[in-house]
Amino acid sequence: MTKLPYDPMPTKYAFPKFTDGHYLVVKKNNHAVFDENFVYVDKSKKYRRRANLMRIATVGLAFPVMKLVTNIKIVGRKNIKKHKELFKNGVVSVSNHVHLWDYIGVMMAVAPFRPYHPSWDVNCRGENKTLIRYNGGIPVPVGSIRATREFSKAIHQLLEEGNWYHTYAEGSMWEYYQPIRPFKKGAFHFAVDTNKPVLPMAFSYRKPKGLARLIWRKPFLTLTVGEPLFIDKSLSHFKQIEDLAIRAHQEVCRLAGITPEDNIYPPLYENTKRVDYYPLPNAEPLDD
């Protein structure tokens, strides 16, 4: 029987029908409009000033709280240090999305880089809109081709200017879900169009031990950083995107301790796919 990493699957989460579905309830709505006239990447002095203040608050408060709440362990930061000069020219990082605060973990891992990231438009109108916006969040528009075109232009420009762009290629957050869901290909379009590497990262789980079990009811998080993936220039443009998406999905699985035969999803998102819920085939929790 194949052993998988510690499986924390809580039973209280009612995951959606489709693998990119959202289930969080956002209580507030400021009715902001994300259309073709919205400034997706704000370069104004006012924004930069507020973003700098938010960065100080995030590093000084959110980083320690993230460590306290999740006991996060970051593995593979050496891969960021080793490729620091490469990443200064722009990079697309991808990971699974398994915790409300896991972006704080990504920020901790890639510091001193300050990443941007796409964000669910509902969140960008909700109670956390300020935290999201001034920590590099960019709302993803829906229902408008013109707005989507402006969003895409903004991301292309970010990468061409040498920025870090982190994306959750699964498309939504499912708390403490172990399988790596299918990846959407948007991030890989951006990587290929701007000739940037893709850096795979994966969140996995650790079982609290000893006295920690009395304090932490939920599993600890581990974020593992891999090696960058590069475009296969021998392929056509479309095949470059697909190949990069498949290899990134495989690497995120591997970094999470899941082999391809253990993962229940194919590497690319299928809009009509019905989720096959738990348990994973041959799953068995580890004691170490």
Protein backbone atom coordinates (compact mmCIF):
# COMPACT_ATOMS: atom_id res chain seq x y z
CA MET A 1 0.00 0.00 0.00
CA THR A 2 1.34 3.41 -0.96
CA LYS A 3 1.91 5.72 1.99
CA LEU A 4 1.05 9.38 1.54
CA PRO A 5 1.95 12.38 3.70
CA TYR A 6 -0.14 13.07 6.78
CA ASP A 7 -3.70 13.50 5.58
CA PRO A 8 -5.50 16.21 7.57
CA MET A 9 -8.86 16.01 5.82
CA PRO A 10 -11.40 17.70 8.12
CA THR A 11 -14.96 16.54 7.55
CA LYS A 12 -16.59 19.93 8.16
CA TYR A 13 -15.67 21.45 4.79
CA ALA A 14 -18.29 21.06 2.08
CA PHE A 15 -16.19 21.43 -1.05
CA PRO A 16 -17.88 22.62 -4.26
CA LYS A 17 -18.89 20.55 -7.24
CA PHE A 18 -16.09 21.75 -9.50
CA THR A 19 -12.40 21.78 -8.74
CA ASP A 20 -12.06 25.57 -9.03
CA GLY A 21 -15.23 26.33 -7.05
CA HIS A 22 -15.37 28.73 -4.09
CA TYR A 23 -17.16 27.94 -0.85
CA LEU A 24 -16.07 30.75 1.48
CA VAL A 25 -18.70 33.23 2.57
CA VAL A 26 -17.54 36.84 2.15
CA LYS A 27 -19.74 38.99 4.37
CA LYS A 28 -19.09 42.49 3.02
CA ASN A 29 -19.41 43.95 -0.46
CA ASN A 30 -18.27 47.46 -1.34
CA HIS A 31 -19.59 46.99 -4.91
CA ALA A 32 -16.31 47.97 -6.54
CA VAL A 33 -16.36 47.58 -10.31
CA PHE A 34 -13.46 45.76 -11.94
CA ASP A 35 -13.89 46.74 -15.56
CA GLU A 36 -11.65 47.95 -18.36
CA ASN A 37 -11.20 51.28 -16.57
CA PHE A 38 -9.98 49.81 -13.28
CA VAL A 39 -6.29 50.28 -12.43
CA TYR A 40 -5.24 46.65 -11.92
CA VAL A 41 -1.65 47.53 -11.04
CA ASP A 42 -1.52 50.85 -9.23
CA LYS A 43 1.84 52.62 -9.54
CA SER A 44 0.79 55.86 -7.87
CA LYS A 45 2.76 57.36 -4.99
CA LYS A 46 -0.31 57.00 -2.77
CA TYR A 47 -0.51 53.26 -3.45
CA ARG A 48 3.22 52.72 -2.94
CA ARG A 49 3.14 54.60 0.35
CA ARG A 50 0.25 52.51 1.66
CA ALA A 51 1.77 49.30 0.32
CA ASN A 52 5.02 50.06 2.17
CA LEU A 53 3.11 50.61 5.41
CA MET A 54 1.19 47.37 4.84
CA ARG A 55 4.47 45.56 4.23
CA ILE A 56 5.80 46.73 7.60
CA ALA A 57 2.61 45.59 9.31
CA THR A 58 2.63 42.25 7.47
CA VAL A 59 6.24 41.44 8.33
CA GLY A 60 5.93 42.69 11.91
CA LEU A 61 2.53 41.21 12.75
CA ALA A 62 1.21 38.76 10.16
CA PHE A 63 4.42 36.77 9.77
CA PRO A 64 4.68 35.99 13.52
CA VAL A 65 0.96 35.22 13.75
CA MET A 66 1.18 32.89 10.74
CA LYS A 67 4.05 31.09 12.45
CA LEU A 68 2.11 30.83 15.69
CA VAL A 69 -1.17 29.67 14.14
CA THR A 70 0.17 27.17 11.59
CA ASN A 71 3.72 26.49 12.84
CA ILE A 72 4.69 26.85 9.19
CA LYS A 73 8.02 25.38 8.10
CA ILE A 74 9.57 26.59 4.86
CA VAL A 75 11.75 24.11 2.99
CA GLY A 76 13.86 24.90 -0.07
CA ARG A 77 14.48 28.62 0.35
CA LYS A 78 17.98 27.84 -0.93
CA ASN A 79 16.40 27.46 -4.37
CA ILE A 80 15.28 31.08 -4.25
CA LYS A 81 18.69 32.26 -3.08
CA LYS A 82 20.45 30.17 -5.74
CA HIS A 83 18.36 31.69 -8.55
CA LYS A 84 18.04 35.18 -7.09
CA GLU A 85 19.52 36.92 -10.12
CA LEU A 86 17.23 35.00 -12.47
CA PHE A 87 14.14 35.87 -10.43
CA LYS A 88 15.07 39.57 -10.41
CA ASN A 89 14.06 39.56 -14.07
CA GLY A 90 10.58 38.24 -13.29
CA VAL A 91 9.12 34.87 -12.34
CA VAL A 92 5.76 33.12 -12.11
CA SER A 93 5.39 30.96 -9.00
CA VAL A 94 2.55 28.46 -8.57
CA SER A 95 1.26 26.49 -5.60
CA ASN A 96 -1.78 24.73 -4.25
CA HIS A 97 -4.22 26.86 -2.19
CA VAL A 98 -5.13 25.26 1.14
CA HIS A 99 -5.37 27.92 3.84
CA LEU A 100 -6.88 31.36 4.31
CA TRP A 101 -3.45 32.73 5.18
CA ASP A 102 -1.23 30.64 2.94
CA TYR A 103 -0.28 33.70 0.87
CA ILE A 104 1.42 35.01 4.02
CA GLY A 105 3.49 31.82 3.93
CA VAL A 106 4.40 32.50 0.29
CA MET A 107 5.46 36.03 1.21
CA MET A 108 7.62 34.64 4.00
CA ALA A 109 9.26 32.16 1.62
CA VAL A 110 10.11 34.60 -1.16
CA ALA A 111 11.20 37.58 0.96
CA PRO A 112 12.78 40.03 0.23
CA PHE A 113 10.88 39.71 -3.06
CA ARG A 114 7.43 41.29 -2.87
CA PRO A 115 5.07 39.26 -5.04
CA TYR A 116 1.86 40.26 -6.76
CA HIS A 117 -1.00 37.78 -7.02
CA PRO A 118 -4.41 37.48 -8.70
CA SER A 119 -7.33 37.46 -6.29
CA TRP A 120 -10.96 36.38 -6.41
CA ASP A 121 -13.01 39.48 -7.27
CA VAL A 122 -15.45 38.76 -4.41
CA ASN A 123 -12.60 38.89 -1.89
CA CYS A 124 -11.43 42.18 -3.38
CA ARG A 125 -14.81 43.70 -2.52
CA GLY A 126 -15.05 42.10 0.91
CA GLU A 127 -13.84 42.64 4.44
CA ASN A 128 -10.23 41.82 3.58
CA LYS A 129 -10.02 44.00 0.48
CA THR A 130 -7.46 46.42 1.96
CA LEU A 131 -5.15 43.66 3.16
CA ILE A 132 -5.35 41.97 -0.22
CA ARG A 133 -4.89 45.08 -2.35
CA TYR A 134 -1.89 46.48 -0.48
CA ASN A 135 -0.18 43.11 -0.29
CA GLY A 136 -0.06 42.88 -4.07
CA GLY A 137 -3.55 41.54 -4.77
CA ILE A 138 -4.97 42.08 -8.24
CA PRO A 139 -8.71 41.40 -8.71
CA VAL A 140 -9.54 39.00 -11.52
CA PRO A 141 -12.40 40.47 -13.57
CA VAL A 142 -15.28 38.30 -14.71
CA GLY A 143 -17.91 38.72 -17.38
CA SER A 144 -16.07 41.27 -19.52
CA ILE A 145 -13.66 40.58 -22.38
CA ARG A 146 -12.39 44.16 -22.27
CA ALA A 147 -11.70 43.98 -18.55
CA THR A 148 -9.94 40.65 -18.96
CA ARG A 149 -7.80 42.18 -21.70
CA GLU A 150 -6.75 45.05 -19.40
CA PHE A 151 -6.02 42.61 -16.57
CA SER A 152 -3.83 40.55 -18.91
CA LYS A 153 -1.97 43.63 -20.11
CA ALA A 154 -1.23 44.57 -16.51
CA ILE A 155 0.19 41.12 -15.69
CA HIS A 156 2.31 41.06 -18.84
CA GLN A 157 3.75 44.45 -17.93
CA LEU A 158 4.45 43.35 -14.35
CA LEU A 159 6.48 40.39 -15.55
CA GLU A 160 8.27 42.33 -18.27
CA GLU A 161 9.32 44.83 -15.60
CA GLY A 162 10.90 42.03 -13.55
CA ASN A 163 8.25 41.48 -10.87
CA TRP A 164 7.29 38.32 -9.01
CA TYR A 165 3.82 36.96 -9.82
CA HIS A 166 2.41 34.21 -7.62
CA THR A 167 -0.70 32.34 -8.63
CA TYR A 168 -2.86 29.55 -7.25
CA ALA A 169 -3.33 27.60 -10.46
CA GLU A 170 -6.10 25.46 -8.95
CA GLY A 171 -8.34 28.54 -9.09
CA SER A 172 -9.72 28.61 -5.53
CA MET A 173 -8.94 27.87 -1.89
CA TRP A 174 -9.92 24.53 -0.30
CA GLU A 175 -8.78 24.35 3.30
CA TYR A 176 -6.56 21.40 4.22
CA TYR A 177 -7.32 19.51 1.02
CA GLN A 178 -4.52 17.13 0.15
CA PRO A 179 -4.81 16.20 -3.56
CA ILE A 180 -3.43 18.75 -6.00
CA ARG A 181 -6.39 19.85 -8.06
CA PRO A 182 -6.16 20.43 -11.84
CA PHE A 183 -4.32 23.59 -12.91
CA LYS A 184 -5.77 26.35 -15.02
CA LYS A 185 -3.41 27.46 -17.76
CA GLY A 186 -3.61 31.25 -17.40
CA ALA A 187 -0.40 31.62 -15.37
CA PHE A 188 1.49 29.56 -17.92
CA HIS A 189 0.22 31.76 -20.76
CA PHE A 190 1.81 34.71 -18.95
CA ALA A 191 5.05 32.82 -18.37
CA VAL A 192 5.37 31.77 -22.01
CA ASP A 193 4.30 35.15 -23.42
CA THR A 194 6.92 36.98 -21.33
CA ASN A 195 9.58 34.24 -21.42
CA LYS A 196 9.74 33.83 -17.63
CA PRO A 197 10.49 30.72 -15.56
CA VAL A 198 7.88 29.01 -13.42
CA LEU A 199 8.71 28.23 -9.79
CA PRO A 200 6.65 25.38 -8.27
CA MET A 201 5.83 25.49 -4.56
CA ALA A 202 3.65 23.16 -2.50
CA PHE A 203 1.85 23.25 0.83
CA SER A 204 1.69 19.98 2.74
CA TYR A 205 0.86 19.02 6.31
CA ARG A 206 2.52 17.82 9.50
CA LYS A 207 0.81 16.11 12.40
CA PRO A 208 1.22 17.92 15.76
CA LYS A 209 2.99 15.74 18.29
CA GLY A 210 3.37 15.60 22.04
CA LEU A 211 1.94 18.55 23.97
CA ALA A 212 1.36 20.41 20.70
CA ARG A 213 -1.60 18.11 20.07
CA LEU A 214 -3.35 19.68 23.06
CA ILE A 215 -2.94 23.19 21.66
CA TRP A 216 -3.15 22.80 17.87
CA ARG A 217 -6.29 21.04 16.67
CA LYS A 218 -5.39 21.54 13.01
CA PRO A 219 -2.30 20.27 11.19
CA PHE A 220 0.91 22.24 10.83
CA LEU A 221 1.84 23.57 7.40
CA THR A 222 4.99 22.97 5.40
CA LEU A 223 5.76 25.04 2.30
CA THR A 224 8.31 23.43 0.01
CA VAL A 225 10.00 25.46 -2.74
CA GLY A 226 11.21 23.62 -5.82
CA GLU A 227 13.56 24.39 -8.70
CA PRO A 228 12.46 26.70 -11.53
CA LEU A 229 10.96 25.21 -14.68
CA PHE A 230 11.79 26.61 -18.09
CA ILE A 231 9.94 26.85 -21.38
CA ASP A 232 10.60 24.11 -23.91
CA LYS A 233 11.39 26.25 -26.95
CA SER A 234 11.27 23.24 -29.26
CA LEU A 235 7.45 23.18 -28.94
CA SER A 236 4.79 25.36 -30.53
CA HIS A 237 3.42 28.25 -28.47
CA PHE A 238 0.29 26.36 -27.39
CA LYS A 239 2.28 23.22 -26.58
CA GLN A 240 4.77 25.28 -24.55
CA ILE A 241 1.93 26.45 -22.33
CA GLU A 242 0.44 22.98 -21.93
CA ASP A 243 3.82 21.37 -21.30
CA LEU A 244 4.71 23.95 -18.66
CA ALA A 245 1.35 23.48 -16.93
CA ILE A 246 1.72 19.70 -16.85
CA ARG A 247 5.29 19.81 -15.53
CA ALA A 248 4.35 22.40 -12.89
CA HIS A 249 1.45 20.24 -11.73
CA GLN A 250 3.70 17.21 -11.50
CA GLU A 251 6.28 19.15 -9.50
CA VAL A 252 3.72 20.56 -7.06
CA CYS A 253 2.47 17.00 -6.52
CA ARG A 254 6.01 15.80 -5.92
CA LEU A 255 6.84 18.66 -3.55
CA ALA A 256 3.67 17.87 -1.58
CA GLY A 257 4.76 14.22 -1.30
CA ILE A 258 2.14 12.91 -3.73
CA THR A 259 3.11 10.70 -6.67
CA PRO A 260 1.16 11.00 -9.94
CA GLU A 261 -0.51 7.62 -9.45
CA ASP A 262 -1.76 8.72 -6.01
CA ASN A 263 -3.27 11.99 -7.20
CA ILE A 264 -6.94 11.72 -8.18
CA TYR A 265 -6.92 14.55 -10.73
CA PRO A 266 -5.41 14.98 -14.20
CA PRO A 267 -2.94 17.85 -14.53
CA LEU A 268 -5.16 20.26 -16.45
CA TYR A 269 -8.50 21.73 -15.49
CA GLU A 270 -11.61 20.30 -17.14
CA ASN A 271 -14.66 22.49 -16.76
CA THR A 272 -17.08 19.57 -16.77
CA LYS A 273 -15.20 17.37 -14.32
CA ARG A 274 -17.12 16.32 -11.22
CA VAL A 275 -14.96 16.15 -8.11
CA ASP A 276 -14.41 12.66 -6.73
CA TYR A 277 -14.25 13.29 -3.02
CA TYR A 278 -12.21 11.57 -0.35
CA PRO A 279 -10.55 9.27 0.45
CA LEU A 280 -7.53 9.20 -1.80
CA PRO A 281 -6.84 5.79 -3.30
CA ASN A 282 -4.39 3.80 -1.12
CA ALA A 283 -4.09 6.69 1.35
CA GLU A 284 -2.52 5.91 4.71
CA PRO A 285 -1.38 8.57 7.20
CA LEU A 286 2.27 8.65 8.19
CA ASP A 287 3.40 8.73 11.80
CA ASP A 288 6.59 10.67 11.13
